[in-house]
Amino acid sequence: MQKSYRASNPGENRQWFVVDAKDQPLGRLAVVVANKLRAKDLPTFDPSVDAGAFVIVINAALVKLTGKKEEQKEYQRYSGFRDGLKRFSAATMRASHPDRMIKEAVWGMLPKNNIARKMMTRVKVFAGAEHTHAAQKPVEIKL
């Protein structure tokens, strides 16, 4: 009889990847990032084990939105107070917080549980082309 395999948490030995978001559709980029975070691209994938990698996203301000999403897509934030709901377009979000666009898209593709909240701490998003994680020697992902 063969024993079943149980993936282990890699701890400090996680891989680092860098993704260039320039001219990439937001949703397709988010799928790649979410799959790396969950380790769905590995043969040892287990939904209950956090075995994913770190993902660095550069050029977040240059991500592409198709169609009329730049004007029509709305993001919401709620302060918790009465009348505290704020809505703004994707163009406004890109101008003020381009990193949040990518983080919210990735969060939407992860399960809503404690493991996913831990995974989101491993997404590093930078608006420009430079990042501060060169010492980790990230591997570039071509999209």
Protein backbone atom coordinates (compact mmCIF):
# COMPACT_ATOMS: atom_id res chain seq x y z
CA MET A 1 0.00 0.00 0.00
CA GLN A 2 1.30 3.43 -0.94
CA LYS A 3 1.23 6.32 1.50
CA SER A 4 -0.30 9.57 0.41
CA TYR A 5 1.97 12.58 0.05
CA ARG A 6 1.49 15.61 2.28
CA ALA A 7 3.18 18.84 1.16
CA SER A 8 5.12 20.67 3.83
CA ASN A 9 5.39 24.40 4.42
CA PRO A 10 8.71 25.51 2.87
CA GLY A 11 9.23 28.20 5.55
CA GLU A 12 12.25 30.33 4.68
CA ASN A 13 13.06 28.36 1.52
CA ARG A 14 10.31 29.89 -0.63
CA GLN A 15 11.07 30.89 -4.19
CA TRP A 16 10.91 34.51 -5.36
CA PHE A 17 9.42 35.51 -8.71
CA VAL A 18 9.19 38.88 -10.45
CA VAL A 19 6.43 39.75 -12.92
CA ASP A 20 6.41 42.79 -15.21
CA ALA A 21 2.86 44.18 -15.40
CA LYS A 22 3.58 46.56 -18.28
CA ASP A 23 0.85 46.23 -20.95
CA GLN A 24 -0.53 43.04 -19.35
CA PRO A 25 -4.29 42.68 -18.78
CA LEU A 26 -5.07 43.03 -15.07
CA GLY A 27 -7.08 39.82 -14.73
CA ARG A 28 -4.59 37.61 -16.55
CA LEU A 29 -1.75 39.03 -14.49
CA ALA A 30 -3.70 38.39 -11.28
CA VAL A 31 -4.29 34.74 -12.26
CA VAL A 32 -0.54 34.15 -12.65
CA VAL A 33 0.24 35.85 -9.33
CA ALA A 34 -2.53 33.99 -7.47
CA ASN A 35 -1.39 30.61 -8.84
CA LYS A 36 2.21 31.27 -7.74
CA LEU A 37 1.02 32.32 -4.27
CA ARG A 38 -1.07 29.17 -3.85
CA ALA A 39 1.57 26.90 -5.51
CA LYS A 40 -1.08 25.62 -7.92
CA ASP A 41 1.60 25.28 -10.59
CA LEU A 42 3.47 22.67 -8.51
CA PRO A 43 2.66 18.94 -8.61
CA THR A 44 2.59 18.93 -4.80
CA PHE A 45 -0.33 21.40 -4.58
CA ASP A 46 -2.43 21.03 -1.45
CA PRO A 47 -5.15 23.63 -0.77
CA SER A 48 -4.68 23.32 2.99
CA VAL A 49 -0.90 23.92 2.97
CA ASP A 50 0.66 27.33 2.38
CA ALA A 51 3.52 26.27 0.10
CA GLY A 52 3.47 29.18 -2.36
CA ALA A 53 6.17 31.60 -3.40
CA PHE A 54 6.86 35.32 -3.02
CA VAL A 55 5.77 37.38 -6.04
CA ILE A 56 7.12 40.82 -6.93
CA VAL A 57 5.04 42.84 -9.41
CA ILE A 58 6.76 45.77 -11.10
CA ASN A 59 5.31 48.50 -13.37
CA ALA A 60 1.92 48.27 -11.66
CA ALA A 61 0.98 51.73 -12.92
CA LEU A 62 1.25 50.47 -16.52
CA VAL A 63 -1.13 47.51 -16.23
CA LYS A 64 -3.71 47.35 -19.02
CA LEU A 65 -7.47 47.49 -18.59
CA THR A 66 -9.48 46.38 -21.61
CA GLY A 67 -12.59 48.01 -22.99
CA LYS A 68 -14.06 50.94 -21.07
CA LYS A 69 -12.97 49.66 -17.65
CA GLU A 70 -10.67 52.66 -17.08
CA GLU A 71 -13.76 54.90 -16.71
CA GLN A 72 -16.52 52.42 -15.84
CA LYS A 73 -14.88 50.05 -13.33
CA GLU A 74 -15.50 51.17 -9.75
CA TYR A 75 -13.59 50.42 -6.58
CA GLN A 76 -15.16 50.83 -3.15
CA ARG A 77 -13.80 51.53 0.31
CA TYR A 78 -15.82 51.69 3.48
CA SER A 79 -14.62 53.46 6.60
CA GLY A 80 -17.05 51.76 8.98
CA PHE A 81 -18.90 54.97 9.79
CA ARG A 82 -22.33 55.96 8.50
CA ASP A 83 -22.08 57.39 5.02
CA GLY A 84 -18.48 56.18 4.90
CA LEU A 85 -18.72 54.44 1.53
CA LYS A 86 -16.38 55.90 -1.09
CA ARG A 87 -16.48 54.94 -4.75
CA PHE A 88 -13.93 55.87 -7.38
CA SER A 89 -13.05 54.83 -10.91
CA ALA A 90 -10.11 52.71 -12.02
CA ALA A 91 -8.47 55.82 -13.51
CA THR A 92 -8.52 57.49 -10.09
CA MET A 93 -7.19 54.33 -8.43
CA ARG A 94 -4.38 54.07 -10.98
CA ALA A 95 -3.40 57.69 -10.37
CA SER A 96 -3.34 57.44 -6.56
CA HIS A 97 -2.68 53.76 -5.67
CA PRO A 98 -1.75 51.57 -8.66
CA ASP A 99 -0.54 48.81 -6.33
CA ARG A 100 -4.02 48.40 -4.83
CA MET A 101 -5.50 47.58 -8.22
CA ILE A 102 -3.31 44.51 -8.49
CA LYS A 103 -3.66 43.52 -4.85
CA GLU A 104 -7.46 43.66 -5.02
CA ALA A 105 -7.51 41.62 -8.24
CA VAL A 106 -5.26 38.95 -6.69
CA TRP A 107 -7.29 38.92 -3.46
CA GLY A 108 -10.43 38.26 -5.50
CA MET A 109 -8.84 35.09 -6.90
CA LEU A 110 -7.80 33.61 -3.56
CA PRO A 111 -10.01 31.73 -1.11
CA LYS A 112 -11.22 33.94 1.74
CA ASN A 113 -9.52 32.33 4.73
CA ASN A 114 -6.54 32.69 7.05
CA ILE A 115 -4.15 31.02 4.59
CA ALA A 116 -5.05 33.53 1.88
CA ARG A 117 -4.49 36.47 4.24
CA LYS A 118 -1.03 35.10 4.92
CA MET A 119 -0.44 34.67 1.18
CA MET A 120 -1.29 38.31 0.51
CA THR A 121 1.66 39.37 2.69
CA ARG A 122 3.93 37.71 0.10
CA VAL A 123 2.76 39.94 -2.78
CA LYS A 124 5.11 42.89 -3.25
CA VAL A 125 3.77 45.45 -5.73
CA PHE A 126 5.78 48.41 -7.07
CA ALA A 127 4.39 51.17 -9.30
CA GLY A 128 7.69 51.63 -11.16
CA ALA A 129 10.31 49.39 -12.73
CA GLU A 130 12.60 49.17 -9.67
CA HIS A 131 12.05 46.95 -6.65
CA THR A 132 13.87 46.52 -3.35
CA HIS A 133 14.19 42.72 -3.39
CA ALA A 134 17.21 42.19 -5.63
CA ALA A 135 19.04 40.40 -2.81
CA GLN A 136 16.49 37.55 -2.97
CA LYS A 137 17.46 36.87 -6.64
CA PRO A 138 13.92 36.59 -8.02
CA VAL A 139 13.26 34.58 -11.17
CA GLU A 140 11.48 36.51 -13.93
CA ILE A 141 8.16 35.16 -15.20
CA LYS A 142 7.40 35.86 -18.85
CA LEU A 143 3.70 36.36 -19.61
